[in-house]
N, C-alpha and C. Protein backbone atom coordinates (compact mmCIF):
# COMPACT_ATOMS: atom_id res chain seq x y z
N MET A 1 -7.25 1.03 -2.27
CA MET A 1 -7.98 1.78 -1.28
C MET A 1 -8.73 0.81 -0.38
N ASP A 2 -8.94 1.22 0.84
CA ASP A 2 -9.69 0.38 1.77
C ASP A 2 -11.17 0.44 1.44
N ARG A 3 -11.81 -0.69 1.57
CA ARG A 3 -13.24 -0.77 1.29
C ARG A 3 -13.97 -1.04 2.59
N PRO A 4 -14.92 -0.18 2.96
CA PRO A 4 -15.67 -0.44 4.19
C PRO A 4 -16.59 -1.63 4.02
N ASP A 5 -16.73 -2.40 5.09
CA ASP A 5 -17.69 -3.51 5.04
C ASP A 5 -19.03 -3.05 5.60
N ARG A 6 -19.96 -3.95 5.72
CA ARG A 6 -21.32 -3.58 6.15
C ARG A 6 -21.40 -3.14 7.60
N SER A 7 -20.44 -3.58 8.43
CA SER A 7 -20.50 -3.21 9.85
C SER A 7 -19.91 -1.84 10.13
N GLY A 8 -19.41 -1.16 9.10
CA GLY A 8 -18.85 0.18 9.28
C GLY A 8 -17.34 0.15 9.44
N GLY A 9 -16.73 -1.04 9.63
CA GLY A 9 -15.28 -1.15 9.74
C GLY A 9 -14.68 -1.34 8.35
N PHE A 10 -13.49 -1.87 8.31
CA PHE A 10 -12.82 -2.12 7.04
C PHE A 10 -12.81 -3.60 6.74
N ALA A 11 -12.98 -3.93 5.47
CA ALA A 11 -13.00 -5.32 5.03
C ALA A 11 -11.59 -5.89 5.06
N ARG A 12 -11.48 -7.20 5.24
CA ARG A 12 -10.19 -7.87 5.23
C ARG A 12 -9.61 -7.77 3.83
N TYR A 13 -8.35 -7.37 3.74
CA TYR A 13 -7.72 -7.19 2.44
C TYR A 13 -6.70 -8.28 2.14
N TYR A 14 -5.91 -8.67 3.13
CA TYR A 14 -4.90 -9.70 2.94
C TYR A 14 -5.44 -11.05 3.39
N SER A 15 -5.15 -12.07 2.59
CA SER A 15 -5.54 -13.42 2.98
C SER A 15 -4.48 -13.98 3.93
N THR A 16 -4.75 -15.15 4.46
CA THR A 16 -3.78 -15.80 5.35
C THR A 16 -2.47 -16.08 4.62
N ILE A 17 -2.55 -16.47 3.38
CA ILE A 17 -1.34 -16.74 2.59
C ILE A 17 -0.56 -15.45 2.36
N ASP A 18 -1.25 -14.34 2.12
CA ASP A 18 -0.57 -13.06 1.94
C ASP A 18 0.23 -12.68 3.18
N VAL A 19 -0.39 -12.83 4.34
CA VAL A 19 0.29 -12.48 5.60
C VAL A 19 1.47 -13.40 5.83
N TRP A 20 1.30 -14.70 5.55
CA TRP A 20 2.40 -15.64 5.71
C TRP A 20 3.56 -15.27 4.79
N ALA A 21 3.26 -14.91 3.55
CA ALA A 21 4.31 -14.55 2.60
C ALA A 21 5.05 -13.30 3.03
N ILE A 22 4.35 -12.33 3.57
CA ILE A 22 5.00 -11.11 4.07
C ILE A 22 5.92 -11.44 5.24
N ALA A 23 5.46 -12.28 6.15
CA ALA A 23 6.29 -12.69 7.29
C ALA A 23 7.52 -13.45 6.81
N PHE A 24 7.35 -14.36 5.87
CA PHE A 24 8.48 -15.11 5.33
C PHE A 24 9.48 -14.18 4.65
N GLY A 25 8.98 -13.19 3.92
CA GLY A 25 9.86 -12.22 3.28
C GLY A 25 10.65 -11.41 4.30
N CYS A 26 10.03 -11.10 5.43
CA CYS A 26 10.74 -10.38 6.50
C CYS A 26 11.86 -11.24 7.09
N ILE A 27 11.60 -12.53 7.22
CA ILE A 27 12.63 -13.43 7.75
C ILE A 27 13.82 -13.48 6.79
N VAL A 28 13.55 -13.63 5.51
CA VAL A 28 14.62 -13.68 4.52
C VAL A 28 15.35 -12.33 4.47
N GLY A 29 14.60 -11.24 4.52
CA GLY A 29 15.20 -9.91 4.50
C GLY A 29 16.10 -9.65 5.70
N TRP A 30 15.71 -10.16 6.86
CA TRP A 30 16.54 -9.98 8.05
C TRP A 30 17.89 -10.65 7.85
N GLY A 31 17.90 -11.79 7.16
CA GLY A 31 19.16 -12.47 6.88
C GLY A 31 20.10 -11.60 6.07
N ALA A 32 19.56 -10.73 5.24
CA ALA A 32 20.40 -9.85 4.44
C ALA A 32 21.12 -8.83 5.31
N PHE A 33 20.58 -8.51 6.48
CA PHE A 33 21.24 -7.55 7.36
C PHE A 33 22.16 -8.22 8.36
N VAL A 34 21.89 -9.44 8.74
CA VAL A 34 22.71 -10.15 9.72
C VAL A 34 23.91 -10.81 9.03
N MET A 35 23.71 -11.32 7.82
CA MET A 35 24.75 -12.08 7.13
C MET A 35 26.05 -11.31 6.90
N PRO A 36 26.04 -10.03 6.56
CA PRO A 36 27.33 -9.36 6.33
C PRO A 36 28.26 -9.41 7.54
N GLY A 37 27.72 -9.29 8.73
CA GLY A 37 28.58 -9.30 9.92
C GLY A 37 29.00 -10.68 10.36
N THR A 38 28.18 -11.69 10.11
CA THR A 38 28.50 -13.03 10.60
C THR A 38 29.14 -13.92 9.55
N THR A 39 28.93 -13.65 8.27
CA THR A 39 29.47 -14.52 7.23
C THR A 39 30.49 -13.80 6.36
N PHE A 40 30.12 -12.65 5.80
CA PHE A 40 31.01 -11.98 4.85
C PHE A 40 32.26 -11.43 5.51
N LEU A 41 32.14 -10.84 6.67
CA LEU A 41 33.29 -10.22 7.32
C LEU A 41 34.39 -11.22 7.62
N PRO A 42 34.10 -12.38 8.22
CA PRO A 42 35.19 -13.33 8.47
C PRO A 42 35.81 -13.90 7.19
N ILE A 43 35.03 -14.03 6.11
CA ILE A 43 35.55 -14.63 4.88
C ILE A 43 36.24 -13.58 4.00
N ALA A 44 35.57 -12.46 3.74
CA ALA A 44 36.09 -11.46 2.81
C ALA A 44 37.01 -10.45 3.48
N GLY A 45 36.94 -10.33 4.77
CA GLY A 45 37.74 -9.34 5.46
C GLY A 45 37.08 -7.97 5.40
N PRO A 46 37.66 -6.99 6.09
CA PRO A 46 37.05 -5.67 6.14
C PRO A 46 36.95 -4.98 4.78
N VAL A 47 37.97 -5.09 3.95
CA VAL A 47 37.96 -4.41 2.65
C VAL A 47 36.92 -5.05 1.73
N GLY A 48 36.88 -6.36 1.67
CA GLY A 48 35.89 -7.04 0.84
C GLY A 48 34.47 -6.73 1.28
N THR A 49 34.26 -6.66 2.59
CA THR A 49 32.93 -6.32 3.10
C THR A 49 32.57 -4.90 2.74
N LEU A 50 33.51 -3.96 2.85
CA LEU A 50 33.24 -2.57 2.47
C LEU A 50 32.94 -2.44 0.98
N ILE A 51 33.63 -3.19 0.15
CA ILE A 51 33.36 -3.15 -1.29
C ILE A 51 31.96 -3.67 -1.57
N ALA A 52 31.60 -4.79 -0.93
CA ALA A 52 30.26 -5.34 -1.13
C ALA A 52 29.19 -4.38 -0.64
N MET A 53 29.43 -3.73 0.48
CA MET A 53 28.45 -2.77 1.01
C MET A 53 28.35 -1.55 0.09
N ALA A 54 29.46 -1.12 -0.51
CA ALA A 54 29.42 0.02 -1.44
C ALA A 54 28.61 -0.34 -2.69
N ILE A 55 28.81 -1.54 -3.20
CA ILE A 55 28.04 -1.97 -4.38
C ILE A 55 26.56 -2.05 -4.04
N SER A 56 26.24 -2.62 -2.88
CA SER A 56 24.83 -2.72 -2.50
C SER A 56 24.22 -1.33 -2.25
N THR A 57 25.01 -0.39 -1.75
CA THR A 57 24.53 0.98 -1.57
C THR A 57 24.19 1.61 -2.92
N ALA A 58 25.04 1.39 -3.92
CA ALA A 58 24.75 1.93 -5.25
C ALA A 58 23.47 1.33 -5.82
N ILE A 59 23.27 0.05 -5.63
CA ILE A 59 22.04 -0.59 -6.10
C ILE A 59 20.83 -0.02 -5.38
N MET A 60 20.93 0.19 -4.07
CA MET A 60 19.81 0.74 -3.31
C MET A 60 19.52 2.18 -3.72
N LEU A 61 20.54 2.94 -4.12
CA LEU A 61 20.29 4.30 -4.61
C LEU A 61 19.50 4.29 -5.91
N VAL A 62 19.77 3.32 -6.78
CA VAL A 62 19.00 3.19 -8.01
C VAL A 62 17.54 2.85 -7.68
N ILE A 63 17.36 1.91 -6.77
CA ILE A 63 15.99 1.54 -6.35
C ILE A 63 15.28 2.73 -5.72
N GLY A 64 15.98 3.47 -4.87
CA GLY A 64 15.39 4.65 -4.24
C GLY A 64 15.01 5.72 -5.24
N SER A 65 15.82 5.91 -6.28
CA SER A 65 15.47 6.90 -7.29
C SER A 65 14.25 6.45 -8.09
N ASN A 66 14.10 5.15 -8.29
CA ASN A 66 12.89 4.64 -8.95
C ASN A 66 11.65 4.91 -8.09
N TYR A 67 11.76 4.71 -6.78
CA TYR A 67 10.64 5.02 -5.89
C TYR A 67 10.30 6.51 -5.93
N ALA A 68 11.33 7.36 -5.97
CA ALA A 68 11.08 8.80 -6.03
C ALA A 68 10.34 9.16 -7.31
N TYR A 69 10.71 8.53 -8.41
CA TYR A 69 10.03 8.76 -9.69
C TYR A 69 8.57 8.31 -9.60
N LEU A 70 8.33 7.11 -9.04
CA LEU A 70 6.97 6.61 -8.91
C LEU A 70 6.12 7.50 -8.01
N MET A 71 6.70 7.96 -6.90
CA MET A 71 5.95 8.81 -5.98
C MET A 71 5.60 10.15 -6.61
N ALA A 72 6.48 10.66 -7.47
CA ALA A 72 6.19 11.93 -8.13
C ALA A 72 5.09 11.77 -9.18
N ARG A 73 5.08 10.64 -9.87
CA ARG A 73 4.08 10.42 -10.92
C ARG A 73 2.74 9.97 -10.38
N ARG A 74 2.73 9.21 -9.29
CA ARG A 74 1.50 8.67 -8.73
C ARG A 74 1.47 8.94 -7.22
N PRO A 75 1.16 10.16 -6.84
CA PRO A 75 1.13 10.48 -5.41
C PRO A 75 0.01 9.72 -4.71
N GLY A 76 0.22 9.41 -3.48
CA GLY A 76 -0.77 8.69 -2.69
C GLY A 76 -0.09 7.67 -1.80
N ILE A 77 -0.89 6.98 -1.07
CA ILE A 77 -0.37 5.98 -0.13
C ILE A 77 0.02 4.74 -0.90
N GLY A 78 1.16 4.17 -0.54
CA GLY A 78 1.55 2.92 -1.18
C GLY A 78 3.04 2.72 -1.19
N GLY A 79 3.41 1.58 -1.61
CA GLY A 79 4.79 1.21 -1.77
C GLY A 79 4.89 0.35 -3.01
N VAL A 80 5.84 -0.57 -3.01
CA VAL A 80 6.03 -1.40 -4.19
C VAL A 80 4.77 -2.19 -4.52
N TYR A 81 4.05 -2.64 -3.52
CA TYR A 81 2.82 -3.40 -3.78
C TYR A 81 1.77 -2.53 -4.47
N ALA A 82 1.55 -1.34 -3.94
CA ALA A 82 0.52 -0.46 -4.50
C ALA A 82 0.86 -0.02 -5.91
N TYR A 83 2.13 0.31 -6.17
CA TYR A 83 2.52 0.75 -7.49
C TYR A 83 2.41 -0.39 -8.50
N THR A 84 2.87 -1.57 -8.13
CA THR A 84 2.81 -2.71 -9.05
C THR A 84 1.37 -3.15 -9.27
N LYS A 85 0.55 -3.09 -8.23
CA LYS A 85 -0.84 -3.49 -8.38
C LYS A 85 -1.56 -2.57 -9.36
N GLU A 86 -1.27 -1.29 -9.28
CA GLU A 86 -1.92 -0.34 -10.19
C GLU A 86 -1.49 -0.58 -11.64
N ALA A 87 -0.24 -0.95 -11.82
CA ALA A 87 0.27 -1.12 -13.18
C ALA A 87 -0.02 -2.51 -13.76
N PHE A 88 0.11 -3.57 -12.94
CA PHE A 88 0.06 -4.93 -13.47
C PHE A 88 -0.98 -5.83 -12.84
N GLY A 89 -1.62 -5.40 -11.76
CA GLY A 89 -2.63 -6.23 -11.13
C GLY A 89 -2.14 -6.88 -9.84
N ARG A 90 -3.06 -7.53 -9.13
CA ARG A 90 -2.79 -8.06 -7.79
C ARG A 90 -1.76 -9.19 -7.80
N ASP A 91 -1.83 -10.10 -8.76
CA ASP A 91 -0.91 -11.24 -8.78
C ASP A 91 0.54 -10.80 -8.97
N HIS A 92 0.77 -9.92 -9.92
CA HIS A 92 2.13 -9.43 -10.13
C HIS A 92 2.63 -8.64 -8.94
N ALA A 93 1.74 -7.86 -8.33
CA ALA A 93 2.13 -7.06 -7.17
C ALA A 93 2.52 -7.97 -6.01
N PHE A 94 1.79 -9.05 -5.81
CA PHE A 94 2.11 -9.99 -4.74
C PHE A 94 3.49 -10.59 -4.95
N LEU A 95 3.78 -11.01 -6.18
CA LEU A 95 5.10 -11.60 -6.47
C LEU A 95 6.21 -10.58 -6.36
N CYS A 96 5.94 -9.36 -6.77
CA CYS A 96 6.96 -8.32 -6.74
C CYS A 96 7.31 -7.91 -5.32
N SER A 97 6.31 -7.81 -4.47
CA SER A 97 6.60 -7.35 -3.11
C SER A 97 7.03 -8.49 -2.25
């Protein structure tokens, strides 16, 4: 939850390292979306790329069902960071997200 500071606004929650890590994770994540078209398609061909995308879709469905379970058990604002922080603490949540 957000904690108000003395000036009536909200206190800083993420450190500089936290923000840097989130930005770095976005850069790496973007590679996961660009790489199939620029690397996998020329090497594996259309069928190999479709098989890889089908496998990754199945994995994402499992992850999505886990999120649905978490949202049903612990309603409120949050994502992987909030759920992991509640269960294991800030350090584990930072590494997980």
